[in-house]
Amino acid sequence: MITLQRISKAYGSHRVLDDLTFTAEAGRITLLVGANGCGKTTTMRLLAGLSAPDRGRVTIAGHDIARDRAAALAALSFLPQSPRFHGALSVEALLRFYARLRNVPDSRAGTLVERWGLGRHLGTPTGKLSGGMRQRLALAILLLADVPVLLLDEPGLSLDPDWRGVLQRELERAARDGRCVFVSTHLLGEWEDRADRCLVLEGGRIGRELPPNRLRDVFPFASSVMRRANAV
């Protein structure tokens, strides 16, 4: 489970988050949506321990990230919006590095290589990968560790429609296995009826909650955004 309690965060005089409070439960996919610049990425960075709130409390799987940082970070896996890797490292070298970092057997990495269609690219330097292939590598790394919390910031942006479908099925499987899956996105159309909750970030806090099976109706722009994304 993820819990944020009365979180505030400002950059200079600009307050991005103001008394932000919500929970995301284990065994469910929770979406965080909102307009560009509303604080979605800031929220994800706070959850991932990459930034600290000015006020409030963040807990990951029961661990206060300020008081027990190591345990909190060990309980999560994070996919940033634009994952970057050392361009000279091959796909295989990078997977082996992260497998050892998370104390995961090589067999687990092999399974994810097949699942994400990386087999023909194991010797390819990551700097030569396409955007979609790099995102698939990042998703394989995300899923290496058997951790209770998955955080994903705009995970579908570089993927074609078929691989977005694979992503959704993988996250649905993770939720069925009891993991807390938390996704920040603005591609609402692709998530309609594929999530359990949808929280709207407005004015630095959760302004409302949307029915996950009616996202296109509530936000009509989602359909046009999805059409543009599918054309990429």
Protein backbone atom coordinates (compact mmCIF):
# COMPACT_ATOMS: atom_id res chain seq x y z
CA MET A 1 0.00 0.00 0.00
CA ILE A 2 0.97 3.62 -0.61
CA THR A 3 -0.11 6.38 1.77
CA LEU A 4 0.42 10.12 1.44
CA GLN A 5 -0.70 12.27 4.36
CA ARG A 6 -1.00 16.05 4.09
CA ILE A 7 1.88 16.43 1.62
CA SER A 8 3.02 19.90 0.58
CA LYS A 9 5.78 20.66 -1.91
CA ALA A 10 6.90 23.98 -3.38
CA TYR A 11 9.63 25.07 -5.77
CA GLY A 12 10.54 28.57 -4.70
CA SER A 13 7.31 30.55 -4.47
CA HIS A 14 5.38 28.04 -6.62
CA ARG A 15 3.45 25.53 -4.54
CA VAL A 16 2.91 22.34 -6.55
CA LEU A 17 1.30 20.10 -3.93
CA ASP A 18 -0.89 21.41 -1.12
CA ASP A 19 -2.17 19.09 1.62
CA LEU A 20 -2.16 16.10 -0.75
CA THR A 21 -3.67 13.03 0.90
CA PHE A 22 -4.57 9.65 -0.60
CA THR A 23 -3.96 5.91 -0.42
CA ALA A 24 -3.37 3.32 -3.13
CA GLU A 25 -4.19 -0.21 -2.06
CA ALA A 26 -2.52 -3.55 -2.64
CA GLY A 27 -4.15 -5.73 -5.26
CA ARG A 28 -5.42 -2.77 -7.28
CA ILE A 29 -4.34 -0.55 -10.17
CA THR A 30 -4.68 3.11 -9.22
CA LEU A 31 -4.35 5.90 -11.78
CA LEU A 32 -3.21 9.43 -11.03
CA VAL A 33 -4.38 11.83 -13.74
CA GLY A 34 -4.50 15.59 -14.26
CA ALA A 35 -3.46 18.43 -16.53
CA ASN A 36 0.16 18.96 -17.51
CA GLY A 37 2.02 20.70 -14.72
CA CYS A 38 -0.47 19.69 -12.03
CA GLY A 39 2.15 17.83 -9.96
CA LYS A 40 1.88 14.22 -11.14
CA THR A 41 5.62 13.80 -11.72
CA THR A 42 6.42 15.60 -8.46
CA THR A 43 4.15 13.14 -6.66
CA MET A 44 5.90 10.20 -8.31
CA ARG A 45 9.32 11.55 -7.35
CA LEU A 46 8.22 11.86 -3.73
CA LEU A 47 6.95 8.28 -3.74
CA ALA A 48 10.19 7.04 -5.30
CA GLY A 49 12.33 8.85 -2.73
CA LEU A 50 13.90 11.14 -5.33
CA SER A 51 12.58 14.25 -3.62
CA ALA A 52 11.38 15.10 -0.12
CA PRO A 53 8.15 16.87 0.80
CA ASP A 54 8.21 20.18 2.60
CA ARG A 55 5.57 18.81 4.93
CA GLY A 56 3.66 15.57 5.40
CA ARG A 57 4.30 11.84 5.46
CA VAL A 58 4.88 9.22 2.76
CA THR A 59 4.69 5.50 3.53
CA ILE A 60 5.47 2.63 1.18
CA ALA A 61 4.26 -0.84 2.20
CA GLY A 62 4.03 0.38 5.79
CA HIS A 63 7.51 1.99 5.85
CA ASP A 64 7.84 5.73 6.46
CA ILE A 65 10.16 6.87 3.68
CA ALA A 66 11.69 9.60 5.86
CA ARG A 67 12.32 7.39 8.89
CA ASP A 68 13.04 4.03 7.23
CA ARG A 69 14.21 4.97 3.77
CA ALA A 70 16.06 1.72 2.95
CA ALA A 71 13.07 -0.49 3.76
CA ALA A 72 10.66 1.79 1.88
CA LEU A 73 12.77 1.87 -1.28
CA ALA A 74 13.42 -1.88 -1.14
CA ALA A 75 9.63 -2.37 -1.28
CA LEU A 76 9.14 -0.55 -4.59
CA SER A 77 10.16 -0.52 -8.23
CA PHE A 78 9.94 2.74 -10.18
CA LEU A 79 9.64 3.52 -13.89
CA PRO A 80 10.31 7.22 -14.56
CA GLN A 81 8.65 9.05 -17.43
CA SER A 82 11.82 9.14 -19.56
CA PRO A 83 14.11 6.27 -18.49
CA ARG A 84 17.78 6.76 -19.38
CA PHE A 85 20.56 4.20 -19.48
CA HIS A 86 24.30 4.33 -20.11
CA GLY A 87 24.35 4.29 -23.90
CA ALA A 88 27.42 2.07 -24.18
CA LEU A 89 26.00 -0.78 -22.08
CA SER A 90 24.29 -3.60 -23.88
CA VAL A 91 20.75 -4.72 -23.08
CA GLU A 92 22.13 -7.94 -21.56
CA ALA A 93 24.71 -6.13 -19.41
CA LEU A 94 22.08 -3.75 -18.09
CA LEU A 95 19.66 -6.54 -17.22
CA ARG A 96 22.41 -8.48 -15.44
CA PHE A 97 23.41 -5.36 -13.49
CA TYR A 98 19.87 -4.71 -12.23
CA ALA A 99 19.26 -8.40 -11.53
CA ARG A 100 22.29 -8.48 -9.25
CA LEU A 101 21.36 -5.14 -7.69
CA ARG A 102 17.93 -6.53 -6.73
CA ASN A 103 19.29 -10.00 -5.89
CA VAL A 104 17.27 -11.64 -8.66
CA PRO A 105 18.36 -14.88 -10.40
CA ASP A 106 19.36 -14.75 -14.06
CA SER A 107 16.42 -17.04 -14.89
CA ARG A 108 14.04 -14.25 -13.91
CA ALA A 109 15.79 -11.85 -16.27
CA GLY A 110 15.58 -14.48 -19.03
CA THR A 111 11.83 -14.78 -18.57
CA LEU A 112 11.40 -11.02 -18.93
CA VAL A 113 13.65 -10.91 -22.00
CA GLU A 114 11.21 -13.24 -23.73
CA ARG A 115 8.12 -11.49 -22.40
CA TRP A 116 9.23 -8.08 -23.65
CA GLY A 117 10.68 -9.22 -26.97
CA LEU A 118 14.27 -8.30 -26.16
CA GLY A 119 15.97 -11.54 -27.24
CA ARG A 120 17.30 -10.26 -30.58
CA HIS A 121 18.70 -7.14 -28.96
CA LEU A 122 20.71 -8.52 -26.04
CA GLY A 123 24.01 -7.41 -27.56
CA THR A 124 22.73 -4.01 -28.69
CA PRO A 125 24.07 -0.93 -26.85
CA THR A 126 21.14 0.81 -25.21
CA GLY A 127 22.12 4.05 -26.92
CA LYS A 128 21.14 2.49 -30.26
CA LEU A 129 17.69 1.31 -29.17
CA SER A 130 14.51 2.90 -30.49
CA GLY A 131 12.30 4.75 -28.02
CA GLY A 132 9.81 1.89 -27.87
CA MET A 133 12.52 -0.76 -27.39
CA ARG A 134 14.14 1.31 -24.64
CA GLN A 135 10.77 1.56 -22.89
CA ARG A 136 10.32 -2.22 -23.11
CA LEU A 137 13.76 -2.67 -21.56
CA ALA A 138 12.79 -0.27 -18.77
CA LEU A 139 9.60 -2.25 -18.13
CA ALA A 140 11.57 -5.51 -17.96
CA ILE A 141 13.86 -3.91 -15.37
CA LEU A 142 10.84 -2.59 -13.45
CA LEU A 143 9.41 -6.09 -13.15
CA LEU A 144 12.66 -7.85 -12.22
CA ALA A 145 12.20 -7.62 -8.47
CA ASP A 146 9.29 -9.23 -6.64
CA VAL A 147 8.33 -6.10 -4.70
CA PRO A 148 4.91 -5.12 -3.31
CA VAL A 149 4.71 -1.65 -4.95
CA LEU A 150 5.09 -0.69 -8.62
CA LEU A 151 5.26 2.99 -9.60
CA LEU A 152 4.97 3.94 -13.28
CA ASP A 153 5.10 7.48 -14.67
CA GLU A 154 3.54 7.66 -18.18
CA PRO A 155 4.52 4.07 -19.05
CA GLY A 156 2.69 3.86 -22.39
CA LEU A 157 3.99 6.94 -24.18
CA SER A 158 6.66 5.26 -26.34
CA LEU A 159 4.84 1.97 -26.88
CA ASP A 160 2.75 0.97 -29.89
CA PRO A 161 -0.83 -0.25 -29.25
CA ASP A 162 0.14 -3.95 -29.10
CA TRP A 163 2.82 -3.39 -26.48
CA ARG A 164 0.49 -1.12 -24.50
CA GLY A 165 -1.81 -4.12 -24.33
CA VAL A 166 1.06 -6.27 -23.04
CA LEU A 167 1.82 -3.60 -20.43
CA GLN A 168 -1.77 -3.51 -19.20
CA ARG A 169 -1.97 -7.30 -18.96
CA GLU A 170 1.29 -7.41 -17.00
CA LEU A 171 0.06 -4.79 -14.55
CA GLU A 172 -3.29 -6.55 -14.18
CA ARG A 173 -1.38 -9.73 -13.37
CA ALA A 174 0.73 -7.88 -10.81
CA ALA A 175 -2.41 -6.52 -9.13
CA ARG A 176 -3.99 -9.99 -9.06
CA ASP A 177 -0.82 -11.19 -7.32
CA GLY A 178 -1.49 -8.64 -4.58
CA ARG A 179 0.85 -5.86 -5.61
CA CYS A 180 0.01 -2.17 -5.42
CA VAL A 181 0.21 -0.72 -8.94
CA PHE A 182 0.26 3.08 -9.17
CA VAL A 183 0.28 4.72 -12.62
CA SER A 184 0.56 8.40 -13.49
CA THR A 185 -0.79 9.10 -16.97
CA HIS A 186 -2.67 11.46 -19.25
CA LEU A 187 -3.49 8.79 -21.86
CA LEU A 188 -6.85 8.09 -20.26
CA GLY A 189 -8.39 6.32 -23.23
CA GLU A 190 -6.01 3.39 -23.04
CA TRP A 191 -6.83 2.81 -19.35
CA GLU A 192 -10.61 2.86 -19.56
CA ASP A 193 -11.95 -0.21 -17.74
CA ARG A 194 -8.39 -1.42 -17.09
CA ALA A 195 -7.88 0.18 -13.67
CA ASP A 196 -9.59 -0.03 -10.28
CA ARG A 197 -9.40 3.63 -9.27
CA CYS A 198 -8.73 6.95 -10.98
CA LEU A 199 -7.68 9.94 -8.87
CA VAL A 200 -7.64 13.47 -10.33
CA LEU A 201 -4.91 15.81 -9.12
CA GLU A 202 -6.21 19.40 -9.09
CA GLY A 203 -4.90 22.43 -7.24
CA GLY A 204 -2.18 20.39 -5.57
CA ARG A 205 -4.51 17.82 -4.05
CA ILE A 206 -6.95 15.07 -5.05
CA GLY A 207 -9.94 17.01 -6.32
CA ARG A 208 -12.14 14.08 -7.28
CA GLU A 209 -12.26 10.42 -8.21
CA LEU A 210 -13.46 9.21 -11.62
CA PRO A 211 -15.26 5.98 -12.58
CA PRO A 212 -12.52 3.94 -14.32
CA ASN A 213 -15.02 2.49 -16.82
CA ARG A 214 -16.13 5.94 -18.08
CA LEU A 215 -12.89 7.86 -18.56
CA ARG A 216 -13.66 8.80 -22.18
CA ASP A 217 -17.04 10.21 -21.14
CA VAL A 218 -15.69 12.21 -18.24
CA PHE A 219 -12.67 13.52 -20.18
CA PRO A 220 -13.66 13.66 -23.86
CA PHE A 221 -10.18 14.86 -24.83
CA ALA A 222 -8.82 11.44 -23.86
CA SER A 223 -10.10 9.89 -27.07
CA SER A 224 -8.30 12.42 -29.28
CA VAL A 225 -5.11 12.09 -27.22
CA MET A 226 -5.28 8.32 -27.61
CA ARG A 227 -5.75 8.56 -31.38
CA ARG A 228 -2.63 10.73 -31.65
CA ALA A 229 -0.65 8.35 -29.43
CA ASN A 230 -1.69 5.35 -31.52
CA ALA A 231 -0.46 7.10 -34.63
CA VAL A 232 3.08 7.46 -33.24
